[in-house]
Protein backbone atom coordinates (compact mmCIF):
# COMPACT_ATOMS: atom_id res chain seq x y z
CA MET A 1 304.33 -79.80 54.43
CA LYS A 2 301.82 -82.17 56.33
CA LYS A 3 303.69 -80.98 59.52
CA ARG A 4 302.86 -77.43 58.49
CA LYS A 5 299.99 -77.84 56.93
CA ARG A 6 298.86 -79.16 60.43
CA ILE A 7 299.68 -76.79 62.15
CA ILE A 8 298.00 -74.38 59.80
CA PHE A 9 294.44 -76.60 60.25
CA LEU A 10 294.52 -76.24 63.75
CA LEU A 11 294.98 -71.95 63.70
CA ILE A 12 292.29 -72.15 61.51
CA PHE A 13 290.75 -74.10 64.17
CA ILE A 14 291.74 -72.93 66.42
CA ILE A 15 292.38 -69.10 67.03
CA PRO A 16 288.30 -68.21 65.99
CA ILE A 17 287.16 -70.14 69.58
CA VAL A 18 289.99 -67.84 71.40
CA LEU A 19 289.00 -64.98 70.20
CA VAL A 20 285.01 -66.16 71.11
CA PHE A 21 285.74 -67.08 74.82
CA THR A 22 287.66 -63.42 75.36
CA ALA A 23 285.03 -61.28 73.38
CA ASN A 24 282.64 -63.38 76.08
CA TYR A 25 285.27 -62.10 78.68
CA SER A 26 286.10 -59.50 78.83
CA ILE A 27 282.88 -58.41 77.95
CA GLU A 28 281.36 -59.86 81.28
CA LYS A 29 284.19 -58.58 83.36
CA ASN A 30 284.10 -55.15 82.05
CA ALA A 31 279.75 -55.02 83.05
CA GLU A 32 280.95 -56.62 86.75
CA ASN A 33 278.06 -54.76 89.55
CA LYS A 34 277.26 -52.97 86.78
CA THR A 35 274.09 -54.35 85.67
CA PHE A 36 270.79 -54.19 88.39
CA SER A 37 267.27 -56.01 88.25
CA ASN A 38 265.77 -54.25 90.94
CA SER A 39 264.86 -50.85 90.47
CA SER A 40 265.36 -49.94 94.07
CA ASP A 41 269.99 -50.73 93.61
CA ILE A 42 270.53 -48.54 90.09
CA GLN A 43 271.16 -45.29 90.32
CA LYS A 44 269.54 -42.37 88.66
CA ASN A 45 271.22 -41.01 84.78
CA LYS A 46 268.75 -39.10 83.17
CA VAL A 47 268.37 -40.94 80.11
CA GLY A 48 267.60 -44.72 79.68
CA LEU A 49 268.11 -45.96 77.22
CA VAL A 50 266.29 -48.51 75.18
CA LEU A 51 267.55 -51.40 72.36
CA GLY A 52 265.39 -52.16 69.74
CA THR A 53 263.93 -55.36 69.18
CA SER A 54 260.75 -56.43 66.82
CA LYS A 55 257.32 -55.79 68.59
CA ILE A 56 256.08 -58.95 66.67
CA LEU A 57 257.98 -62.32 65.99
CA LYS A 58 256.88 -63.79 62.08
CA ASN A 59 254.20 -66.41 63.18
CA GLY A 60 252.02 -63.00 64.73
CA ARG A 61 253.39 -63.52 68.55
CA ILE A 62 254.62 -60.98 70.89
CA ASN A 63 258.47 -60.89 70.76
CA LEU A 64 258.34 -60.96 74.99
CA TYR A 65 261.67 -59.54 74.72
CA PHE A 66 259.67 -56.42 73.16
CA LYS A 67 257.06 -56.47 76.40
CA TYR A 68 259.71 -56.78 79.19
CA ARG A 69 261.62 -53.98 77.73
CA ILE A 70 258.54 -51.80 77.78
CA ASN A 71 258.17 -53.04 81.31
CA ALA A 72 261.59 -52.39 82.59
CA THR A 73 261.37 -48.99 80.79
CA VAL A 74 258.36 -48.42 82.45
CA GLU A 75 259.13 -49.58 86.39
CA LEU A 76 262.51 -47.48 85.97
CA TYR A 77 260.81 -43.39 85.08
CA LYS A 78 257.80 -44.68 87.47
CA LYS A 79 260.44 -44.92 89.85
CA GLY A 80 262.18 -41.99 88.86
CA LYS A 81 265.24 -43.50 88.04
CA ILE A 82 265.13 -41.87 84.85
CA ASP A 83 264.23 -38.88 83.26
CA PHE A 84 264.17 -39.16 79.32
CA ILE A 85 263.55 -42.38 77.45
CA LEU A 86 265.44 -42.35 74.16
CA VAL A 87 264.19 -45.48 72.00
CA SER A 88 267.13 -46.16 69.37
CA GLY A 89 266.53 -48.97 67.11
CA ASP A 90 266.17 -50.30 63.02
CA ASN A 91 263.53 -47.78 60.71
CA GLY A 92 265.53 -50.13 57.85
CA ASN A 93 262.27 -49.25 55.89
CA LYS A 94 258.79 -48.02 55.83
CA ASN A 95 257.26 -51.63 57.29
CA TYR A 96 259.57 -51.97 60.04
CA ASP A 97 259.91 -48.76 62.53
CA GLU A 98 261.13 -50.17 66.18
CA PRO A 99 261.36 -47.07 67.53
CA THR A 100 258.06 -45.66 66.44
CA ASP A 101 256.18 -49.25 67.75
CA PHE A 102 258.32 -48.18 71.27
CA LYS A 103 256.97 -45.13 72.16
CA ASN A 104 252.98 -46.15 71.52
CA GLU A 105 253.22 -48.48 73.93
CA LEU A 106 255.37 -46.34 76.28
CA ILE A 107 252.60 -43.65 75.82
CA LYS A 108 250.18 -46.18 76.26
CA ASN A 109 251.98 -47.80 79.57
CA GLY A 110 251.56 -44.26 80.94
CA ILE A 111 254.73 -42.40 79.66
CA PRO A 112 254.21 -39.00 78.10
CA GLU A 113 254.75 -38.17 74.51
CA ASN A 114 256.87 -35.56 75.29
CA ARG A 115 259.28 -37.66 77.67
CA ILE A 116 260.36 -40.16 75.60
CA PHE A 117 263.50 -39.73 72.15
CA LEU A 118 262.95 -41.64 69.26
CA ASP A 119 266.55 -43.01 67.68
CA TYR A 120 266.21 -44.85 64.32
CA ALA A 121 269.76 -45.11 62.70
CA GLY A 122 269.71 -47.98 65.96
CA PHE A 123 270.83 -50.58 63.48
CA ARG A 124 273.55 -52.32 65.97
CA THR A 125 273.84 -52.25 69.79
CA LEU A 126 277.50 -50.19 68.25
CA ASP A 127 274.86 -47.68 66.58
CA SER A 128 272.45 -47.16 69.72
CA VAL A 129 275.23 -46.20 71.62
CA VAL A 130 277.65 -44.23 70.28
CA ARG A 131 275.17 -42.02 68.23
CA ALA A 132 273.28 -41.54 72.35
CA LYS A 133 276.20 -39.42 72.49
CA GLU A 134 276.92 -37.98 69.37
CA ILE A 135 273.74 -36.97 68.25
CA PHE A 136 271.78 -36.98 70.84
CA GLY A 137 274.41 -35.29 73.66
CA GLN A 138 274.96 -38.33 76.51
CA ILE A 139 277.93 -38.97 78.64
CA SER A 140 276.38 -41.21 80.81
CA ILE A 141 273.13 -43.47 81.06
CA THR A 142 271.24 -46.24 81.85
CA VAL A 143 270.54 -49.25 79.08
CA ILE A 144 267.26 -50.88 79.37
CA SER A 145 267.21 -54.56 77.74
CA GLN A 146 268.01 -58.12 78.96
CA LYS A 147 271.25 -58.49 80.91
CA PHE A 148 273.71 -60.47 78.59
CA HIS A 149 272.51 -57.30 75.81
CA ASN A 150 273.12 -54.92 78.50
CA GLU A 151 276.28 -56.88 79.72
CA ARG A 152 277.77 -56.38 75.24
CA ALA A 153 276.74 -52.18 75.51
CA ILE A 154 277.97 -51.31 78.79
CA TYR A 155 280.95 -52.53 76.87
CA LEU A 156 280.59 -50.58 73.56
CA ALA A 157 279.36 -47.67 74.94
CA GLU A 158 282.34 -47.33 77.31
CA LYS A 159 284.67 -47.70 74.60
CA ASN A 160 283.62 -44.77 72.88
CA GLY A 161 283.87 -42.17 76.77
CA ILE A 162 280.98 -43.00 78.13
CA SER A 163 279.60 -43.68 81.24
CA ALA A 164 276.93 -46.56 81.44
CA ILE A 165 275.03 -49.05 83.63
CA GLY A 166 272.43 -51.23 82.88
CA PHE A 167 269.16 -52.11 83.91
CA ASN A 168 267.58 -55.44 83.46
CA ALA A 169 265.14 -56.83 81.38
CA ARG A 170 263.01 -59.19 82.35
CA ASP A 171 264.95 -62.55 80.51
CA LEU A 172 263.31 -65.75 78.27
CA SER A 173 265.23 -69.97 79.22
CA GLY A 174 263.79 -71.96 76.98
CA LYS A 175 264.99 -73.03 73.33
CA TYR A 176 264.13 -69.83 72.22
CA GLY A 177 266.46 -67.94 75.25
CA LEU A 178 269.14 -70.61 74.13
CA LYS A 179 268.71 -69.92 70.83
CA THR A 180 269.68 -66.18 71.75
CA ARG A 181 272.37 -67.29 73.28
CA ILE A 182 274.49 -68.44 71.43
CA ARG A 183 273.81 -65.37 69.16
CA GLU A 184 274.94 -63.45 71.44
CA TYR A 185 278.21 -64.84 71.25
CA PHE A 186 278.96 -63.90 67.92
CA ALA A 187 277.42 -60.35 68.70
CA ARG A 188 280.02 -60.29 71.69
CA THR A 189 282.86 -61.57 69.00
CA LYS A 190 281.91 -58.96 66.63
CA ALA A 191 281.74 -56.20 68.94
CA TYR A 192 285.79 -56.97 70.36
CA LEU A 193 286.13 -56.40 67.05
CA ASP A 194 284.44 -53.63 66.30
CA ILE A 195 286.41 -51.31 68.81
CA VAL A 196 290.03 -53.20 67.92
CA PHE A 197 289.20 -51.78 64.43
CA GLY A 198 287.65 -48.72 65.13
CA VAL A 199 284.41 -48.88 63.65
CA GLU A 200 281.86 -45.93 63.56
CA PRO A 201 278.14 -46.18 63.06
CA LYS A 202 276.12 -46.24 59.52
CA PHE A 203 274.51 -43.47 60.76
CA LEU A 204 275.90 -39.52 62.90
CA GLY A 205 273.52 -36.64 61.19
CA LYS A 206 272.15 -33.73 63.24
CA LYS A 207 272.09 -33.46 66.48
CA ILE A 208 269.10 -33.29 68.75
CA GLU A 209 269.19 -32.56 72.34
CA ILE A 210 267.71 -33.73 75.23
CA LYS A 211 265.42 -31.37 77.83
């Protein structure tokens, strides 16, 4: 009886650890040679999919992940590496609107408004990439976010029949960057399980043509 309890106890701890490492290895391996930090090296795609994040942190400061994704998107567009920008983020209530925050900032940086499309139902990375195909009709995209996020998005995109590459926005280091990395391990595990169990976006809806 004690031996059985010991085995069960070990399995409860070992299985989650194995799952986390399997998910992270699979996602990193899949993204090899598919993310780029130099805009001169990346191929052109019609649409760049910018993954949303909050503009302002709880302490009132600008979210540098937001700022650096804006910079990366503007660089790609101005270098002719994308023709249109699809901003996908959370607009869960009237007081929180990631896509519009991105749109306003992109316009301030010289991007024409008619080149920007907004997806207000990008609640998760899975939703963002699948909706890029099912709602906005894209089967080949350039994902724009930090490298760790791009790798996860590429994995989810390819598992859903989308050809994807990533342009890496500048990342953060230090304490804040470390906390994000730790969260990413669990986000990748969730993404891996979403594919295993065939999880779909929270919402789909009417198709929107990007042209």
